[in-house]
Amino acid sequence: MSHAACVVAILTVSSDQTRELELELVRCIVASRAEEGCQRYVISRDQDHAGRFTAEERWASTEAFEQHLETPHFRSLAALLDRLDASVQLMKVTPLDEISDAI
């Protein structure tokens, strides 16, 4: 059985592109949360830096995450990020509360 896939991303665009990205992020949130393998999908706006967002995702499995990457709504977001020349920092993470049981 595959383990959960957890991802944190920092997305940054110029301040004049904030609204365009924000609208696409909201569309992606709604569609992503409807996906079968989605356990958590939260995107937040940085209050101190216009154009910067964080995404926190948890998927039931690596396969569910990989399927998400192929969906039309994610592909649309990825195309916009590319068009806006966004900075994207992606981290595959393991929440510490998941490993605390092993300690």
PDB file of N, CA and C in Angstrom:
ATOM      1  N   MET A   1       0.841  -1.187   0.000  1.00  0.00           N
ATOM      2  CA  MET A   1       0.000   0.000   0.000  1.00  0.00           C
ATOM      3  C   MET A   1       0.882   1.243   0.000  1.00  0.00           C
ATOM      4  N   SER A   2       0.499   2.207  -0.761  1.00  0.00           N
ATOM      5  CA  SER A   2       1.259   3.449  -0.869  1.00  0.00           C
ATOM      6  C   SER A   2       0.965   4.358   0.320  1.00  0.00           C
ATOM      7  N   HIS A   3       1.975   5.085   0.750  1.00  0.00           N
ATOM      8  CA  HIS A   3       1.812   6.045   1.839  1.00  0.00           C
ATOM      9  C   HIS A   3       1.221   7.344   1.307  1.00  0.00           C
ATOM     10  N   ALA A   4       0.708   8.141   2.217  1.00  0.00           N
ATOM     11  CA  ALA A   4       0.178   9.450   1.851  1.00  0.00           C
ATOM     12  C   ALA A   4       1.294  10.301   1.241  1.00  0.00           C
ATOM     13  N   ALA A   5       0.903  11.170   0.348  1.00  0.00           N
ATOM     14  CA  ALA A   5       1.836  12.116  -0.269  1.00  0.00           C
ATOM     15  C   ALA A   5       1.489  13.501   0.247  1.00  0.00           C
ATOM     16  N   CYS A   6       2.463  14.151   0.867  1.00  0.00           N
ATOM     17  CA  CYS A   6       2.269  15.501   1.406  1.00  0.00           C
ATOM     18  C   CYS A   6       3.204  16.457   0.673  1.00  0.00           C
ATOM     19  N   VAL A   7       2.640  17.579   0.282  1.00  0.00           N
ATOM     20  CA  VAL A   7       3.385  18.555  -0.514  1.00  0.00           C
ATOM     21  C   VAL A   7       3.135  19.948   0.041  1.00  0.00           C
ATOM     22  N   VAL A   8       4.189  20.739   0.082  1.00  0.00           N
ATOM     23  CA  VAL A   8       4.089  22.159   0.411  1.00  0.00           C
ATOM     24  C   VAL A   8       4.757  22.912  -0.733  1.00  0.00           C
ATOM     25  N   ALA A   9       4.090  23.955  -1.199  1.00  0.00           N
ATOM     26  CA  ALA A   9       4.661  24.750  -2.287  1.00  0.00           C
ATOM     27  C   ALA A   9       4.550  26.227  -1.953  1.00  0.00           C
ATOM     28  N   ILE A  10       5.525  26.991  -2.407  1.00  0.00           N
ATOM     29  CA  ILE A  10       5.486  28.439  -2.319  1.00  0.00           C
ATOM     30  C   ILE A  10       5.469  28.956  -3.748  1.00  0.00           C
ATOM     31  N   LEU A  11       4.417  29.697  -4.072  1.00  0.00           N
ATOM     32  CA  LEU A  11       4.225  30.242  -5.415  1.00  0.00           C
ATOM     33  C   LEU A  11       4.370  31.751  -5.341  1.00  0.00           C
ATOM     34  N   THR A  12       5.159  32.330  -6.222  1.00  0.00           N
ATOM     35  CA  THR A  12       5.361  33.773  -6.195  1.00  0.00           C
ATOM     36  C   THR A  12       5.280  34.343  -7.612  1.00  0.00           C
ATOM     37  N   VAL A  13       4.475  35.400  -7.746  1.00  0.00           N
ATOM     38  CA  VAL A  13       4.371  36.150  -8.998  1.00  0.00           C
ATOM     39  C   VAL A  13       4.541  37.633  -8.657  1.00  0.00           C
ATOM     40  N   SER A  14       4.692  38.448  -9.666  1.00  0.00           N
ATOM     41  CA  SER A  14       4.786  39.883  -9.401  1.00  0.00           C
ATOM     42  C   SER A  14       3.456  40.377  -8.838  1.00  0.00           C
ATOM     43  N   SER A  15       3.508  41.441  -8.081  1.00  0.00           N
ATOM     44  CA  SER A  15       2.316  41.934  -7.383  1.00  0.00           C
ATOM     45  C   SER A  15       1.178  42.290  -8.331  1.00  0.00           C
ATOM     46  N   ASP A  16       1.490  42.730  -9.536  1.00  0.00           N
ATOM     47  CA  ASP A  16       0.426  43.079 -10.484  1.00  0.00           C
ATOM     48  C   ASP A  16      -0.250  41.847 -11.097  1.00  0.00           C
ATOM     49  N   GLN A  17       0.292  40.661 -10.849  1.00  0.00           N
ATOM     50  CA  GLN A  17      -0.303  39.419 -11.349  1.00  0.00           C
ATOM     51  C   GLN A  17      -1.064  38.654 -10.258  1.00  0.00           C
ATOM     52  N   THR A  18      -1.096  39.213  -9.069  1.00  0.00           N
ATOM     53  CA  THR A  18      -1.687  38.525  -7.919  1.00  0.00           C
ATOM     54  C   THR A  18      -3.128  38.104  -8.165  1.00  0.00           C
ATOM     55  N   ARG A  19      -3.952  39.020  -8.629  1.00  0.00           N
ATOM     56  CA  ARG A  19      -5.381  38.729  -8.789  1.00  0.00           C
ATOM     57  C   ARG A  19      -5.625  37.625  -9.805  1.00  0.00           C
ATOM     58  N   GLU A  20      -4.911  37.659 -10.918  1.00  0.00           N
ATOM     59  CA  GLU A  20      -5.078  36.630 -11.947  1.00  0.00           C
ATOM     60  C   GLU A  20      -4.733  35.248 -11.397  1.00  0.00           C
ATOM     61  N   LEU A  21      -3.622  35.155 -10.678  1.00  0.00           N
ATOM     62  CA  LEU A  21      -3.238  33.876 -10.089  1.00  0.00           C
ATOM     63  C   LEU A  21      -4.229  33.451  -9.017  1.00  0.00           C
ATOM     64  N   GLU A  22      -4.651  34.385  -8.199  1.00  0.00           N
ATOM     65  CA  GLU A  22      -5.577  34.064  -7.114  1.00  0.00           C
ATOM     66  C   GLU A  22      -6.871  33.441  -7.657  1.00  0.00           C
ATOM     67  N   LEU A  23      -7.405  33.987  -8.725  1.00  0.00           N
ATOM     68  CA  LEU A  23      -8.640  33.443  -9.311  1.00  0.00           C
ATOM     69  C   LEU A  23      -8.432  32.010  -9.795  1.00  0.00           C
ATOM     70  N   GLU A  24      -7.297  31.746 -10.411  1.00  0.00           N
ATOM     71  CA  GLU A  24      -7.011  30.387 -10.887  1.00  0.00           C
ATOM     72  C   GLU A  24      -6.781  29.439  -9.713  1.00  0.00           C
ATOM     73  N   LEU A  25      -6.151  29.917  -8.659  1.00  0.00           N
ATOM     74  CA  LEU A  25      -5.938  29.085  -7.478  1.00  0.00           C
ATOM     75  C   LEU A  25      -7.265  28.677  -6.842  1.00  0.00           C
ATOM     76  N   VAL A  26      -8.205  29.590  -6.774  1.00  0.00           N
ATOM     77  CA  VAL A  26      -9.517  29.275  -6.199  1.00  0.00           C
ATOM     78  C   VAL A  26     -10.209  28.203  -7.037  1.00  0.00           C
ATOM     79  N   ARG A  27     -10.140  28.324  -8.359  1.00  0.00           N
ATOM     80  CA  ARG A  27     -10.732  27.291  -9.224  1.00  0.00           C
ATOM     81  C   ARG A  27     -10.077  25.933  -8.974  1.00  0.00           C
ATOM     82  N   CYS A  28      -8.767  25.938  -8.809  1.00  0.00           N
ATOM     83  CA  CYS A  28      -8.035  24.695  -8.592  1.00  0.00           C
ATOM     84  C   CYS A  28      -8.366  24.097  -7.219  1.00  0.00           C
ATOM     85  N   ILE A  29      -8.546  24.941  -6.225  1.00  0.00           N
ATOM     86  CA  ILE A  29      -8.915  24.451  -4.884  1.00  0.00           C
ATOM     87  C   ILE A  29     -10.220  23.676  -4.948  1.00  0.00           C
ATOM     88  N   VAL A  30     -11.230  24.280  -5.544  1.00  0.00           N
ATOM     89  CA  VAL A  30     -12.556  23.653  -5.602  1.00  0.00           C
ATOM     90  C   VAL A  30     -12.481  22.303  -6.308  1.00  0.00           C
ATOM     91  N   ALA A  31     -11.848  22.268  -7.465  1.00  0.00           N
ATOM     92  CA  ALA A  31     -11.763  21.031  -8.237  1.00  0.00           C
ATOM     93  C   ALA A  31     -10.893  19.980  -7.552  1.00  0.00           C
ATOM     94  N   SER A  32      -9.796  20.406  -6.954  1.00  0.00           N
ATOM     95  CA  SER A  32      -8.877  19.465  -6.307  1.00  0.00           C
ATOM     96  C   SER A  32      -9.506  18.814  -5.084  1.00  0.00           C
ATOM     97  N   ARG A  33     -10.232  19.588  -4.310  1.00  0.00           N
ATOM     98  CA  ARG A  33     -10.883  19.025  -3.123  1.00  0.00           C
ATOM     99  C   ARG A  33     -11.937  17.986  -3.481  1.00  0.00           C
ATOM    100  N   ALA A  34     -12.432  18.012  -4.705  1.00  0.00           N
ATOM    101  CA  ALA A  34     -13.425  17.025  -5.157  1.00  0.00           C
ATOM    102  C   ALA A  34     -12.771  15.726  -5.633  1.00  0.00           C
ATOM    103  N   GLU A  35     -11.465  15.722  -5.793  1.00  0.00           N
ATOM    104  CA  GLU A  35     -10.771  14.517  -6.238  1.00  0.00           C
ATOM    105  C   GLU A  35     -10.802  13.460  -5.133  1.00  0.00           C
ATOM    106  N   GLU A  36     -10.951  12.217  -5.556  1.00  0.00           N
ATOM    107  CA  GLU A  36     -11.101  11.111  -4.617  1.00  0.00           C
ATOM    108  C   GLU A  36      -9.944  10.996  -3.623  1.00  0.00           C
ATOM    109  N   GLY A  37      -8.727  11.175  -4.061  1.00  0.00           N
ATOM    110  CA  GLY A  37      -7.568  10.984  -3.187  1.00  0.00           C
ATOM    111  C   GLY A  37      -7.166  12.191  -2.370  1.00  0.00           C
ATOM    112  N   CYS A  38      -7.874  13.301  -2.510  1.00  0.00           N
ATOM    113  CA  CYS A  38      -7.507  14.529  -1.805  1.00  0.00           C
ATOM    114  C   CYS A  38      -7.945  14.463  -0.342  1.00  0.00           C
ATOM    115  N   GLN A  39      -6.996  14.632   0.553  1.00  0.00           N
ATOM    116  CA  GLN A  39      -7.294  14.661   1.981  1.00  0.00           C
ATOM    117  C   GLN A  39      -7.172  16.069   2.557  1.00  0.00           C
ATOM    118  N   ARG A  40      -6.344  16.888   1.939  1.00  0.00           N
ATOM    119  CA  ARG A  40      -6.177  18.281   2.376  1.00  0.00           C
ATOM    120  C   ARG A  40      -5.636  19.073   1.189  1.00  0.00           C
ATOM    121  N   TYR A  41      -6.237  20.243   0.972  1.00  0.00           N
ATOM    122  CA  TYR A  41      -5.789  21.109  -0.114  1.00  0.00           C
ATOM    123  C   TYR A  41      -6.086  22.542   0.308  1.00  0.00           C
ATOM    124  N   VAL A  42      -5.077  23.206   0.833  1.00  0.00           N
ATOM    125  CA  VAL A  42      -5.252  24.555   1.360  1.00  0.00           C
ATOM    126  C   VAL A  42      -4.231  25.470   0.693  1.00  0.00           C
ATOM    127  N   ILE A  43      -4.716  26.544   0.106  1.00  0.00           N
ATOM    128  CA  ILE A  43      -3.834  27.551  -0.473  1.00  0.00           C
ATOM    129  C   ILE A  43      -4.102  28.858   0.259  1.00  0.00           C
ATOM    130  N   SER A  44      -3.033  29.484   0.698  1.00  0.00           N
ATOM    131  CA  SER A  44      -3.142  30.710   1.484  1.00  0.00           C
ATOM    132  C   SER A  44      -2.361  31.837   0.832  1.00  0.00           C
ATOM    133  N   ARG A  45      -2.835  33.046   1.029  1.00  0.00           N
ATOM    134  CA  ARG A  45      -2.181  34.257   0.529  1.00  0.00           C
ATOM    135  C   ARG A  45      -1.277  34.800   1.630  1.00  0.00           C
ATOM    136  N   ASP A  46      -0.065  35.163   1.284  1.00  0.00           N
ATOM    137  CA  ASP A  46       0.853  35.803   2.229  1.00  0.00           C
ATOM    138  C   ASP A  46       0.342  37.217   2.497  1.00  0.00           C
ATOM    139  N   GLN A  47       0.114  37.548   3.731  1.00  0.00           N
ATOM    140  CA  GLN A  47      -0.431  38.859   4.091  1.00  0.00           C
ATOM    141  C   GLN A  47       0.591  39.982   3.974  1.00  0.00           C
ATOM    142  N   ASP A  48       1.867  39.631   3.990  1.00  0.00           N
ATOM    143  CA  ASP A  48       2.910  40.651   3.963  1.00  0.00           C
ATOM    144  C   ASP A  48       3.571  40.847   2.594  1.00  0.00           C
ATOM    145  N   HIS A  49       3.367  39.902   1.676  1.00  0.00           N
ATOM    146  CA  HIS A  49       4.023  39.981   0.372  1.00  0.00           C
ATOM    147  C   HIS A  49       3.010  39.690  -0.733  1.00  0.00           C
ATOM    148  N   ALA A  50       2.584  40.726  -1.417  1.00  0.00           N
ATOM    149  CA  ALA A  50       1.644  40.556  -2.530  1.00  0.00           C
ATOM    150  C   ALA A  50       2.259  39.645  -3.584  1.00  0.00           C
ATOM    151  N   GLY A  51       1.479  38.711  -4.078  1.00  0.00           N
ATOM    152  CA  GLY A  51       1.956  37.803  -5.114  1.00  0.00           C
ATOM    153  C   GLY A  51       2.545  36.510  -4.589  1.00  0.00           C
ATOM    154  N   ARG A  52       2.564  36.319  -3.275  1.00  0.00           N
ATOM    155  CA  ARG A  52       3.128  35.081  -2.721  1.00  0.00           C
ATOM    156  C   ARG A  52       2.031  34.264  -2.051  1.00  0.00           C
ATOM    157  N   PHE A  53       2.007  32.979  -2.361  1.00  0.00           N
ATOM    158  CA  PHE A  53       1.004  32.049  -1.839  1.00  0.00           C
ATOM    159  C   PHE A  53       1.694  30.785  -1.346  1.00  0.00           C
ATOM    160  N   THR A  54       1.063  30.098  -0.407  1.00  0.00           N
ATOM    161  CA  THR A  54       1.530  28.775  -0.001  1.00  0.00           C
ATOM    162  C   THR A  54       0.427  27.769  -0.295  1.00  0.00           C
ATOM    163  N   ALA A  55       0.834  26.587  -0.661  1.00  0.00           N
ATOM    164  CA  ALA A  55      -0.096  25.484  -0.889  1.00  0.00           C
ATOM    165  C   ALA A  55       0.313  24.328   0.013  1.00  0.00           C
ATOM    166  N   GLU A  56      -0.661  23.774   0.712  1.00  0.00           N
ATOM    167  CA  GLU A  56      -0.434  22.601   1.550  1.00  0.00           C
ATOM    168  C   GLU A  56      -1.386  21.518   1.065  1.00  0.00           C
ATOM    169  N   GLU A  57      -0.811  20.400   0.656  1.00  0.00           N
ATOM    170  CA  GLU A  57      -1.617  19.325   0.093  1.00  0.00           C
ATOM    171  C   GLU A  57      -1.298  18.006   0.785  1.00  0.00           C
ATOM    172  N   ARG A  58      -2.338  17.197   0.939  1.00  0.00           N
ATOM    173  CA  ARG A  58      -2.164  15.830   1.424  1.00  0.00           C
ATOM    174  C   ARG A  58      -3.041  14.944   0.559  1.00  0.00           C
ATOM    175  N   TRP A  59      -2.404  13.944  -0.012  1.00  0.00           N
ATOM    176  CA  TRP A  59      -3.069  13.002  -0.912  1.00  0.00           C
ATOM    177  C   TRP A  59      -2.998  11.609  -0.306  1.00  0.00           C
ATOM    178  N   ALA A  60      -4.007  10.808  -0.539  1.00  0.00           N
ATOM    179  CA  ALA A  60      -4.097   9.467   0.045  1.00  0.00           C
ATOM    180  C   ALA A  60      -2.906   8.590  -0.338  1.00  0.00           C
ATOM    181  N   SER A  61      -2.320   8.858  -1.494  1.00  0.00           N
ATOM    182  CA  SER A  61      -1.192   8.056  -1.964  1.00  0.00           C
ATOM    183  C   SER A  61      -0.393   8.857  -2.990  1.00  0.00           C
ATOM    184  N   THR A  62       0.786   8.367  -3.276  1.00  0.00           N
ATOM    185  CA  THR A  62       1.601   8.976  -4.324  1.00  0.00           C
ATOM    186  C   THR A  62       0.864   8.905  -5.654  1.00  0.00           C
ATOM    187  N   GLU A  63       0.169   7.809  -5.881  1.00  0.00           N
ATOM    188  CA  GLU A  63      -0.587   7.643  -7.121  1.00  0.00           C
ATOM    189  C   GLU A  63      -1.677   8.705  -7.228  1.00  0.00           C
ATOM    190  N   ALA A  64      -2.369   8.989  -6.129  1.00  0.00           N
ATOM    191  CA  ALA A  64      -3.419  10.019  -6.138  1.00  0.00           C
ATOM    192  C   ALA A  64      -2.823  11.386  -6.467  1.00  0.00           C
ATOM    193  N   PHE A  65      -1.656  11.681  -5.907  1.00  0.00           N
ATOM    194  CA  PHE A  65      -0.984  12.949  -6.193  1.00  0.00           C
ATOM    195  C   PHE A  65      -0.596  13.020  -7.671  1.00  0.00           C
ATOM    196  N   GLU A  66      -0.040  11.940  -8.199  1.00  0.00           N
ATOM    197  CA  GLU A  66       0.364  11.919  -9.600  1.00  0.00           C
ATOM    198  C   GLU A  66      -0.841  12.060 -10.527  1.00  0.00           C
ATOM    199  N   GLN A  67      -1.978  11.462 -10.161  1.00  0.00           N
ATOM    200  CA  GLN A  67      -3.201  11.622 -10.949  1.00  0.00           C
ATOM    201  C   GLN A  67      -3.671  13.075 -10.918  1.00  0.00           C
ATOM    202  N   HIS A  68      -3.537  13.717  -9.759  1.00  0.00           N
ATOM    203  CA  HIS A  68      -3.901  15.134  -9.623  1.00  0.00           C
ATOM    204  C   HIS A  68      -3.108  15.995 -10.605  1.00  0.00           C
ATOM    205  N   LEU A  69      -1.841  15.684 -10.761  1.00  0.00           N
ATOM    206  CA  LEU A  69      -0.988  16.465 -11.656  1.00  0.00           C
ATOM    207  C   LEU A  69      -1.436  16.380 -13.115  1.00  0.00           C
ATOM    208  N   GLU A  70      -2.221  15.386 -13.460  1.00  0.00           N
ATOM    209  CA  GLU A  70      -2.697  15.185 -14.825  1.00  0.00           C
ATOM    210  C   GLU A  70      -4.099  15.746 -15.062  1.00  0.00           C
ATOM    211  N   THR A  71      -4.750  16.276 -14.037  1.00  0.00           N
ATOM    212  CA  THR A  71      -6.116  16.770 -14.197  1.00  0.00           C
ATOM    213  C   THR A  71      -6.143  18.073 -14.994  1.00  0.00           C
ATOM    214  N   PRO A  72      -7.251  18.342 -15.674  1.00  0.00           N
ATOM    215  CA  PRO A  72      -7.350  19.593 -16.436  1.00  0.00           C
ATOM    216  C   PRO A  72      -7.198  20.842 -15.564  1.00  0.00           C
ATOM    217  N   HIS A  73      -7.748  20.825 -14.350  1.00  0.00           N
ATOM    218  CA  HIS A  73      -7.646  22.027 -13.505  1.00  0.00           C
ATOM    219  C   HIS A  73      -6.213  22.278 -13.044  1.00  0.00           C
ATOM    220  N   PHE A  74      -5.463  21.216 -12.752  1.00  0.00           N
ATOM    221  CA  PHE A  74      -4.072  21.445 -12.363  1.00  0.00           C
ATOM    222  C   PHE A  74      -3.241  21.859 -13.568  1.00  0.00           C
ATOM    223  N   ARG A  75      -3.488  21.242 -14.713  1.00  0.00           N
ATOM    224  CA  ARG A  75      -2.748  21.619 -15.927  1.00  0.00           C
ATOM    225  C   ARG A  75      -2.993  23.083 -16.288  1.00  0.00           C
ATOM    226  N   SER A  76      -4.225  23.546 -16.069  1.00  0.00           N
ATOM    227  CA  SER A  76      -4.549  24.950 -16.320  1.00  0.00           C
ATOM    228  C   SER A  76      -3.753  25.860 -15.382  1.00  0.00           C
ATOM    229  N   LEU A  77      -3.683  25.476 -14.115  1.00  0.00           N
ATOM    230  CA  LEU A  77      -2.897  26.252 -13.144  1.00  0.00           C
ATOM    231  C   LEU A  77      -1.417  26.243 -13.534  1.00  0.00           C
ATOM    232  N   ALA A  78      -0.900  25.086 -13.877  1.00  0.00           N
ATOM    233  CA  ALA A  78       0.516  24.984 -14.249  1.00  0.00           C
ATOM    234  C   ALA A  78       0.826  25.843 -15.469  1.00  0.00           C
ATOM    235  N   ALA A  79      -0.085  25.879 -16.440  1.00  0.00           N
ATOM    236  CA  ALA A  79       0.118  26.702 -17.632  1.00  0.00           C
ATOM    237  C   ALA A  79       0.146  28.186 -17.272  1.00  0.00           C
ATOM    238  N   LEU A  80      -0.749  28.590 -16.364  1.00  0.00           N
ATOM    239  CA  LEU A  80      -0.753  29.989 -15.944  1.00  0.00           C
ATOM    240  C   LEU A  80       0.529  30.334 -15.193  1.00  0.00           C
ATOM    241  N   LEU A  81       0.966  29.468 -14.307  1.00  0.00           N
ATOM    242  CA  LEU A  81       2.210  29.716 -13.579  1.00  0.00           C
ATOM    243  C   LEU A  81       3.372  29.883 -14.552  1.00  0.00           C
ATOM    244  N   ASP A  82       3.390  29.065 -15.584  1.00  0.00           N
ATOM    245  CA  ASP A  82       4.433  29.165 -16.597  1.00  0.00           C
ATOM    246  C   ASP A  82       4.324  30.493 -17.352  1.00  0.00           C
ATOM    247  N   ARG A  83       3.112  30.843 -17.753  1.00  0.00           N
ATOM    248  CA  ARG A  83       2.897  32.086 -18.504  1.00  0.00           C
ATOM    249  C   ARG A  83       3.275  33.316 -17.679  1.00  0.00           C
ATOM    250  N   LEU A  84       2.995  33.257 -16.368  1.00  0.00           N
ATOM    251  CA  LEU A  84       3.312  34.385 -15.487  1.00  0.00           C
ATOM    252  C   LEU A  84       4.769  34.370 -15.030  1.00  0.00           C
ATOM    253  N   ASP A  85       5.520  33.369 -15.477  1.00  0.00           N
ATOM    254  CA  ASP A  85       6.918  33.212 -15.064  1.00  0.00           C
ATOM    255  C   ASP A  85       7.030  33.191 -13.536  1.00  0.00           C
ATOM    256  N   ALA A  86       6.150  32.408 -12.922  1.00  0.00           N
ATOM    257  CA  ALA A  86       6.095  32.316 -11.466  1.00  0.00           C
ATOM    258  C   ALA A  86       7.286  31.543 -10.914  1.00  0.00           C
ATOM    259  N   SER A  87       7.667  31.911  -9.714  1.00  0.00           N
ATOM    260  CA  SER A  87       8.640  31.137  -8.960  1.00  0.00           C
ATOM    261  C   SER A  87       7.850  30.080  -8.186  1.00  0.00           C
ATOM    262  N   VAL A  88       8.261  28.822  -8.321  1.00  0.00           N
ATOM    263  CA  VAL A  88       7.584  27.729  -7.629  1.00  0.00           C
ATOM    264  C   VAL A  88       8.615  26.921  -6.869  1.00  0.00           C
ATOM    265  N   GLN A  89       8.465  26.895  -5.550  1.00  0.00           N
ATOM    266  CA  GLN A  89       9.307  26.063  -4.702  1.00  0.00           C
ATOM    267  C   GLN A  89       8.428  24.923  -4.206  1.00  0.00           C
ATOM    268  N   LEU A  90       8.795  23.691  -4.525  1.00  0.00           N
ATOM    269  CA  LEU A  90       7.993  22.533  -4.175  1.00  0.00           C
ATOM    270  C   LEU A  90       8.768  21.636  -3.224  1.00  0.00           C
ATOM    271  N   MET A  91       8.113  21.257  -2.141  1.00  0.00           N
ATOM    272  CA  MET A  91       8.724  20.352  -1.172  1.00  0.00           C
ATOM    273  C   MET A  91       7.803  19.169  -0.932  1.00  0.00           C
ATOM    274  N   LYS A  92       8.316  17.968  -1.078  1.00  0.00           N
ATOM    275  CA  LYS A  92       7.596  16.779  -0.645  1.00  0.00           C
ATOM    276  C   LYS A  92       7.994  16.597   0.807  1.00  0.00           C
ATOM    277  N   VAL A  93       7.010  16.584   1.695  1.00  0.00           N
ATOM    278  CA  VAL A  93       7.301  16.617   3.122  1.00  0.00           C
ATOM    279  C   VAL A  93       6.685  15.428   3.849  1.00  0.00           C
ATOM    280  N   THR A  94       7.213  15.154   5.042  1.00  0.00           N
ATOM    281  CA  THR A  94       6.641  14.185   5.961  1.00  0.00           C
ATOM    282  C   THR A  94       6.314  14.928   7.241  1.00  0.00           C
ATOM    283  N   PRO A  95       5.039  15.071   7.565  1.00  0.00           N
ATOM    284  CA  PRO A  95       4.678  15.750   8.819  1.00  0.00           C
ATOM    285  C   PRO A  95       5.297  15.007  10.009  1.00  0.00           C
ATOM    286  N   LEU A  96       5.861  15.753  10.928  1.00  0.00           N
ATOM    287  CA  LEU A  96       6.517  15.136  12.070  1.00  0.00           C
ATOM    288  C   LEU A  96       5.564  14.337  12.936  1.00  0.00           C
ATOM    289  N   ASP A  97       4.289  14.713  12.959  1.00  0.00           N
ATOM    290  CA  ASP A  97       3.354  13.927  13.770  1.00  0.00           C
ATOM    291  C   ASP A  97       3.173  12.520  13.204  1.00  0.00           C
ATOM    292  N   GLU A  98       3.478  12.300  11.944  1.00  0.00           N
ATOM    293  CA  GLU A  98       3.393  10.972  11.359  1.00  0.00           C
ATOM    294  C   GLU A  98       4.557  10.076  11.766  1.00  0.00           C
ATOM    295  N   ILE A  99       5.695  10.669  12.112  1.00  0.00           N
ATOM    296  CA  ILE A  99       6.841   9.854  12.519  1.00  0.00           C
ATOM    297  C   ILE A  99       6.992   9.788  14.026  1.00  0.00           C
ATOM    298  N   SER A 100       6.220  10.598  14.759  1.00  0.00           N
ATOM    299  CA  SER A 100       6.381  10.628  16.215  1.00  0.00           C
ATOM    300  C   SER A 100       6.014   9.304  16.857  1.00  0.00           C
ATOM    301  N   ASP A 101       5.145   8.516  16.232  1.00  0.00           N
ATOM    302  CA  ASP A 101       4.762   7.217  16.781  1.00  0.00           C
ATOM    303  C   ASP A 101       5.924   6.235  16.776  1.00  0.00           C
ATOM    304  N   ALA A 102       6.882   6.458  15.873  1.00  0.00           N
ATOM    305  CA  ALA A 102       8.027   5.563  15.758  1.00  0.00           C
ATOM    306  C   ALA A 102       9.127   5.898  16.766  1.00  0.00           C
ATOM    307  N   ILE A 103       8.987   7.012  17.439  1.00  0.00           N
ATOM    308  CA  ILE A 103      10.035   7.455  18.386  1.00  0.00           C
ATOM    309  C   ILE A 103       9.791   6.848  19.751  1.00  0.00           C
TER     310      ILE A 103
END
